[in-house]
Amino acid sequence: MYTQLRETADELAGVLWREHTVYRERGGGVVIRGEHVRRWISLGPTGGKDQALLRAGRLLDGGTTAPARTEVVVDLKAGTAELAAVCRRMLAEVAAVAETAPAQATRAGRTAGSGKPAKQAKPGRQRRPGRAARAARPGRPRRERHTSLGSFVVLLCVAGVLGAWLYSLFGGGPGY
């Protein structure tokens, strides 16, 4: 099934995009990435013969894939032109959803990514981005807690063993 999916994906990628990358997915499917259009298409095996699960989504900043926005089961016996038409329709739906989400957030008077109304900047002051926007900037790692409770327990055990060794060496034990 993988070879059939790979061949179909190669043909489909050539029809859809000039610049594309085709690679194998963990679940046995094939992914077609169009970096220049920031979209991806996945062909995955289903239980049926000559059928594939076609999924489409968008690529996020940094190249990670967002969850699939649309899914449909297609017949692989259909020609490449028919499959390309289905893919174009799905990609148009993904693009429409991606464009309307930020527009709805700004129309509601809210900033993207938060449920709070947008604040008006005071004259003479520059508005700094919110905490989420500052932490999500590329090239700047997010600060997280490095030591957890488990780390402290390990440190206490090591200190206890070291203390017991020092006590046996210099403490009240028999002197050798």
C-alpha atoms as a PDB file:
ATOM      1  CA  MET A   1       0.000   0.000   0.000  1.00  0.00           C
ATOM      2  CA  TYR A   2       2.883   2.362   0.788  1.00  0.00           C
ATOM      3  CA  THR A   3       4.315   2.141  -2.730  1.00  0.00           C
ATOM      4  CA  GLN A   4       0.930   2.935  -4.243  1.00  0.00           C
ATOM      5  CA  LEU A   5       0.534   5.915  -1.897  1.00  0.00           C
ATOM      6  CA  ARG A   6       4.062   7.122  -2.671  1.00  0.00           C
ATOM      7  CA  GLU A   7       3.535   6.944  -6.437  1.00  0.00           C
ATOM      8  CA  THR A   8       0.184   8.714  -6.180  1.00  0.00           C
ATOM      9  CA  ALA A   9       1.683  11.390  -3.916  1.00  0.00           C
ATOM     10  CA  ASP A  10       4.573  12.007  -6.319  1.00  0.00           C
ATOM     11  CA  GLU A  11       2.177  12.466  -9.244  1.00  0.00           C
ATOM     12  CA  LEU A  12      -0.165  14.614  -7.183  1.00  0.00           C
ATOM     13  CA  ALA A  13       2.658  16.812  -5.885  1.00  0.00           C
ATOM     14  CA  GLY A  14       3.885  17.437  -9.425  1.00  0.00           C
ATOM     15  CA  VAL A  15       0.413  18.560 -10.486  1.00  0.00           C
ATOM     16  CA  LEU A  16      -0.288  20.751  -7.448  1.00  0.00           C
ATOM     17  CA  TRP A  17       3.007  22.516  -6.695  1.00  0.00           C
ATOM     18  CA  ARG A  18       6.287  23.122  -8.487  1.00  0.00           C
ATOM     19  CA  GLU A  19       8.179  23.276  -5.184  1.00  0.00           C
ATOM     20  CA  HIS A  20       7.289  20.403  -2.886  1.00  0.00           C
ATOM     21  CA  THR A  21       8.723  17.815  -0.536  1.00  0.00           C
ATOM     22  CA  VAL A  22       7.347  14.276  -0.304  1.00  0.00           C
ATOM     23  CA  TYR A  23       8.209  12.138   2.706  1.00  0.00           C
ATOM     24  CA  ARG A  24       6.922   9.188   4.702  1.00  0.00           C
ATOM     25  CA  GLU A  25       4.728   9.685   7.734  1.00  0.00           C
ATOM     26  CA  ARG A  26       5.038   7.639  10.931  1.00  0.00           C
ATOM     27  CA  GLY A  27       1.667   5.970  10.445  1.00  0.00           C
ATOM     28  CA  GLY A  28       2.599   4.574   7.027  1.00  0.00           C
ATOM     29  CA  GLY A  29       1.216   7.451   4.996  1.00  0.00           C
ATOM     30  CA  VAL A  30       2.870  10.005   2.739  1.00  0.00           C
ATOM     31  CA  VAL A  31       3.037  13.770   3.295  1.00  0.00           C
ATOM     32  CA  ILE A  32       3.382  16.429   0.589  1.00  0.00           C
ATOM     33  CA  ARG A  33       4.666  19.761   1.914  1.00  0.00           C
ATOM     34  CA  GLY A  34       4.366  22.978  -0.018  1.00  0.00           C
ATOM     35  CA  GLU A  35       6.605  25.368   1.922  1.00  0.00           C
ATOM     36  CA  HIS A  36       5.968  28.294  -0.418  1.00  0.00           C
ATOM     37  CA  VAL A  37       2.186  28.073   0.099  1.00  0.00           C
ATOM     38  CA  ARG A  38       2.505  27.038   3.772  1.00  0.00           C
ATOM     39  CA  ARG A  39       0.209  24.013   3.326  1.00  0.00           C
ATOM     40  CA  TRP A  40       0.525  20.231   3.606  1.00  0.00           C
ATOM     41  CA  ILE A  41      -1.407  17.258   2.278  1.00  0.00           C
ATOM     42  CA  SER A  42      -1.274  13.745   3.689  1.00  0.00           C
ATOM     43  CA  LEU A  43      -2.310  10.492   2.048  1.00  0.00           C
ATOM     44  CA  GLY A  44      -2.795   7.766   4.623  1.00  0.00           C
ATOM     45  CA  PRO A  45      -3.925   4.178   4.407  1.00  0.00           C
ATOM     46  CA  THR A  46      -7.473   3.248   5.326  1.00  0.00           C
ATOM     47  CA  GLY A  47      -8.936  -0.169   5.871  1.00  0.00           C
ATOM     48  CA  GLY A  48     -10.296  -0.386   2.342  1.00  0.00           C
ATOM     49  CA  LYS A  49      -8.531  -1.495  -0.794  1.00  0.00           C
ATOM     50  CA  ASP A  50      -7.473   1.275  -3.192  1.00  0.00           C
ATOM     51  CA  GLN A  51      -8.683   3.951  -0.790  1.00  0.00           C
ATOM     52  CA  ALA A  52      -6.719   6.589   1.066  1.00  0.00           C
ATOM     53  CA  LEU A  53      -7.455   9.107   3.776  1.00  0.00           C
ATOM     54  CA  LEU A  54      -6.647  12.520   2.365  1.00  0.00           C
ATOM     55  CA  ARG A  55      -5.953  15.222   4.970  1.00  0.00           C
ATOM     56  CA  ALA A  56      -4.940  18.849   4.501  1.00  0.00           C
ATOM     57  CA  GLY A  57      -3.634  21.498   6.857  1.00  0.00           C
ATOM     58  CA  ARG A  58      -1.310  24.448   7.118  1.00  0.00           C
ATOM     59  CA  LEU A  59       2.309  24.884   8.116  1.00  0.00           C
ATOM     60  CA  LEU A  60       3.047  27.028  11.149  1.00  0.00           C
ATOM     61  CA  ASP A  61       6.015  29.293  11.784  1.00  0.00           C
ATOM     62  CA  GLY A  62       9.148  27.223  12.132  1.00  0.00           C
ATOM     63  CA  GLY A  63       7.887  24.556   9.736  1.00  0.00           C
ATOM     64  CA  THR A  64       5.756  22.547  12.141  1.00  0.00           C
ATOM     65  CA  THR A  65       2.478  21.161  10.863  1.00  0.00           C
ATOM     66  CA  ALA A  66      -0.814  22.285  12.323  1.00  0.00           C
ATOM     67  CA  PRO A  67      -3.511  19.662  12.862  1.00  0.00           C
ATOM     68  CA  ALA A  68      -5.525  18.720   9.795  1.00  0.00           C
ATOM     69  CA  ARG A  69      -8.388  21.075   9.011  1.00  0.00           C
ATOM     70  CA  THR A  70     -10.153  18.813   6.526  1.00  0.00           C
ATOM     71  CA  GLU A  71     -10.254  15.059   5.889  1.00  0.00           C
ATOM     72  CA  VAL A  72     -11.836  12.957   3.174  1.00  0.00           C
ATOM     73  CA  VAL A  73     -11.560   9.343   1.987  1.00  0.00           C
ATOM     74  CA  VAL A  74     -10.696   9.140  -1.708  1.00  0.00           C
ATOM     75  CA  ASP A  75     -10.522   6.310  -4.231  1.00  0.00           C
ATOM     76  CA  LEU A  76      -6.990   5.853  -5.545  1.00  0.00           C
ATOM     77  CA  LYS A  77      -8.349   4.394  -8.794  1.00  0.00           C
ATOM     78  CA  ALA A  78      -9.537   7.872  -9.730  1.00  0.00           C
ATOM     79  CA  GLY A  79      -7.138   9.747 -11.975  1.00  0.00           C
ATOM     80  CA  THR A  80      -4.576  12.251 -10.853  1.00  0.00           C
ATOM     81  CA  ALA A  81      -6.703  15.125 -12.177  1.00  0.00           C
ATOM     82  CA  GLU A  82      -9.660  14.107  -9.997  1.00  0.00           C
ATOM     83  CA  LEU A  83      -7.457  13.729  -6.922  1.00  0.00           C
ATOM     84  CA  ALA A  84      -5.854  17.109  -7.649  1.00  0.00           C
ATOM     85  CA  ALA A  85      -9.309  18.709  -7.837  1.00  0.00           C
ATOM     86  CA  VAL A  86     -10.210  17.244  -4.427  1.00  0.00           C
ATOM     87  CA  CYS A  87      -6.891  18.478  -3.005  1.00  0.00           C
ATOM     88  CA  ARG A  88      -7.387  21.981  -4.394  1.00  0.00           C
ATOM     89  CA  ARG A  89     -10.853  22.139  -2.851  1.00  0.00           C
ATOM     90  CA  MET A  90      -9.479  21.022   0.506  1.00  0.00           C
ATOM     91  CA  LEU A  91      -6.581  23.494   0.315  1.00  0.00           C
ATOM     92  CA  ALA A  92      -9.052  26.285  -0.479  1.00  0.00           C
ATOM     93  CA  GLU A  93     -11.052  25.350   2.632  1.00  0.00           C
ATOM     94  CA  VAL A  94      -7.869  25.392   4.734  1.00  0.00           C
ATOM     95  CA  ALA A  95      -6.928  28.803   3.347  1.00  0.00           C
ATOM     96  CA  ALA A  96     -10.421  30.173   3.987  1.00  0.00           C
ATOM     97  CA  VAL A  97     -10.390  28.985   7.599  1.00  0.00           C
ATOM     98  CA  ALA A  98      -6.873  30.363   8.156  1.00  0.00           C
ATOM     99  CA  GLU A  99      -7.839  33.790   6.787  1.00  0.00           C
ATOM    100  CA  THR A 100     -11.152  34.168   8.629  1.00  0.00           C
ATOM    101  CA  ALA A 101      -9.821  33.297  12.095  1.00  0.00           C
ATOM    102  CA  PRO A 102      -7.601  36.416  12.525  1.00  0.00           C
ATOM    103  CA  ALA A 103     -10.247  38.611  10.884  1.00  0.00           C
ATOM    104  CA  GLN A 104     -12.933  37.455  13.328  1.00  0.00           C
ATOM    105  CA  ALA A 105     -10.644  38.074  16.299  1.00  0.00           C
ATOM    106  CA  THR A 106      -9.885  41.654  15.226  1.00  0.00           C
ATOM    107  CA  ARG A 107     -13.520  42.388  14.329  1.00  0.00           C
ATOM    108  CA  ALA A 108     -14.574  41.385  17.821  1.00  0.00           C
ATOM    109  CA  GLY A 109     -12.184  44.013  19.223  1.00  0.00           C
ATOM    110  CA  ARG A 110      -9.880  41.412  20.659  1.00  0.00           C
ATOM    111  CA  THR A 111      -6.252  40.697  20.046  1.00  0.00           C
ATOM    112  CA  ALA A 112      -5.313  37.411  18.444  1.00  0.00           C
ATOM    113  CA  GLY A 113      -4.466  34.767  21.000  1.00  0.00           C
ATOM    114  CA  SER A 114      -6.189  36.312  23.998  1.00  0.00           C
ATOM    115  CA  GLY A 115      -9.701  36.791  25.195  1.00  0.00           C
ATOM    116  CA  LYS A 116      -9.100  40.328  26.484  1.00  0.00           C
ATOM    117  CA  PRO A 117     -10.125  43.443  24.595  1.00  0.00           C
ATOM    118  CA  ALA A 118      -7.288  45.282  22.873  1.00  0.00           C
ATOM    119  CA  LYS A 119      -5.911  48.178  24.931  1.00  0.00           C
ATOM    120  CA  GLN A 120      -5.361  51.560  23.393  1.00  0.00           C
ATOM    121  CA  ALA A 121      -1.755  52.749  23.546  1.00  0.00           C
ATOM    122  CA  LYS A 122      -1.079  55.942  25.460  1.00  0.00           C
ATOM    123  CA  PRO A 123       0.302  58.792  23.390  1.00  0.00           C
ATOM    124  CA  GLY A 124       4.098  59.002  23.543  1.00  0.00           C
ATOM    125  CA  ARG A 125       4.556  55.379  24.678  1.00  0.00           C
ATOM    126  CA  GLN A 126       5.322  52.356  22.582  1.00  0.00           C
ATOM    127  CA  ARG A 127       3.220  49.305  23.249  1.00  0.00           C
ATOM    128  CA  ARG A 128       5.258  46.201  24.105  1.00  0.00           C
ATOM    129  CA  PRO A 129       3.949  42.846  22.959  1.00  0.00           C
ATOM    130  CA  GLY A 130       2.165  40.713  25.538  1.00  0.00           C
ATOM    131  CA  ARG A 131       3.826  37.916  27.476  1.00  0.00           C
ATOM    132  CA  ALA A 132       2.739  35.208  25.034  1.00  0.00           C
ATOM    133  CA  ALA A 133       4.037  37.153  22.032  1.00  0.00           C
ATOM    134  CA  ARG A 134       7.378  37.876  23.724  1.00  0.00           C
ATOM    135  CA  ALA A 135       7.917  34.233  24.684  1.00  0.00           C
ATOM    136  CA  ALA A 136       6.959  32.907  21.249  1.00  0.00           C
ATOM    137  CA  ARG A 137       9.536  34.949  19.342  1.00  0.00           C
ATOM    138  CA  PRO A 138      11.925  32.787  17.334  1.00  0.00           C
ATOM    139  CA  GLY A 139      15.484  32.693  18.589  1.00  0.00           C
ATOM    140  CA  ARG A 140      14.484  33.328  22.176  1.00  0.00           C
ATOM    141  CA  PRO A 141      13.959  30.183  24.244  1.00  0.00           C
ATOM    142  CA  ARG A 142      11.092  30.155  26.650  1.00  0.00           C
ATOM    143  CA  ARG A 143      12.141  30.124  30.316  1.00  0.00           C
ATOM    144  CA  GLU A 144      10.943  27.072  32.150  1.00  0.00           C
ATOM    145  CA  ARG A 145      11.662  25.572  35.548  1.00  0.00           C
ATOM    146  CA  HIS A 146      14.816  23.462  35.337  1.00  0.00           C
ATOM    147  CA  THR A 147      14.735  21.697  38.705  1.00  0.00           C
ATOM    148  CA  SER A 148      11.733  19.754  39.815  1.00  0.00           C
ATOM    149  CA  LEU A 149      10.885  17.975  43.069  1.00  0.00           C
ATOM    150  CA  GLY A 150      12.509  14.794  41.775  1.00  0.00           C
ATOM    151  CA  SER A 151      15.792  16.611  41.266  1.00  0.00           C
ATOM    152  CA  PHE A 152      15.751  17.883  44.851  1.00  0.00           C
ATOM    153  CA  VAL A 153      15.071  14.370  46.169  1.00  0.00           C
ATOM    154  CA  VAL A 154      18.053  13.033  44.229  1.00  0.00           C
ATOM    155  CA  LEU A 155      20.241  15.835  45.592  1.00  0.00           C
ATOM    156  CA  LEU A 156      19.113  15.077  49.151  1.00  0.00           C
ATOM    157  CA  CYS A 157      19.919  11.368  48.701  1.00  0.00           C
ATOM    158  CA  VAL A 158      23.383  12.169  47.357  1.00  0.00           C
ATOM    159  CA  ALA A 159      23.991  14.554  50.269  1.00  0.00           C
ATOM    160  CA  GLY A 160      22.818  11.869  52.725  1.00  0.00           C
ATOM    161  CA  VAL A 161      25.163   9.232  51.296  1.00  0.00           C
ATOM    162  CA  LEU A 162      28.043  11.721  51.306  1.00  0.00           C
ATOM    163  CA  GLY A 163      27.254  12.678  54.906  1.00  0.00           C
ATOM    164  CA  ALA A 164      27.136   9.031  56.011  1.00  0.00           C
ATOM    165  CA  TRP A 165      30.481   8.375  54.354  1.00  0.00           C
ATOM    166  CA  LEU A 166      32.077  11.403  55.997  1.00  0.00           C
ATOM    167  CA  TYR A 167      30.603  10.417  59.379  1.00  0.00           C
ATOM    168  CA  SER A 168      32.034   6.915  59.094  1.00  0.00           C
ATOM    169  CA  LEU A 169      35.374   8.361  58.056  1.00  0.00           C
ATOM    170  CA  PHE A 170      35.742  11.113  60.690  1.00  0.00           C
ATOM    171  CA  GLY A 171      32.848  10.545  63.064  1.00  0.00           C
ATOM    172  CA  GLY A 172      32.292   8.395  66.102  1.00  0.00           C
ATOM    173  CA  GLY A 173      33.144   5.048  64.559  1.00  0.00           C
ATOM    174  CA  PRO A 174      36.024   2.805  65.615  1.00  0.00           C
ATOM    175  CA  GLY A 175      39.345   4.344  64.617  1.00  0.00           C
ATOM    176  CA  TYR A 176      41.450   2.219  62.375  1.00  0.00           C
END
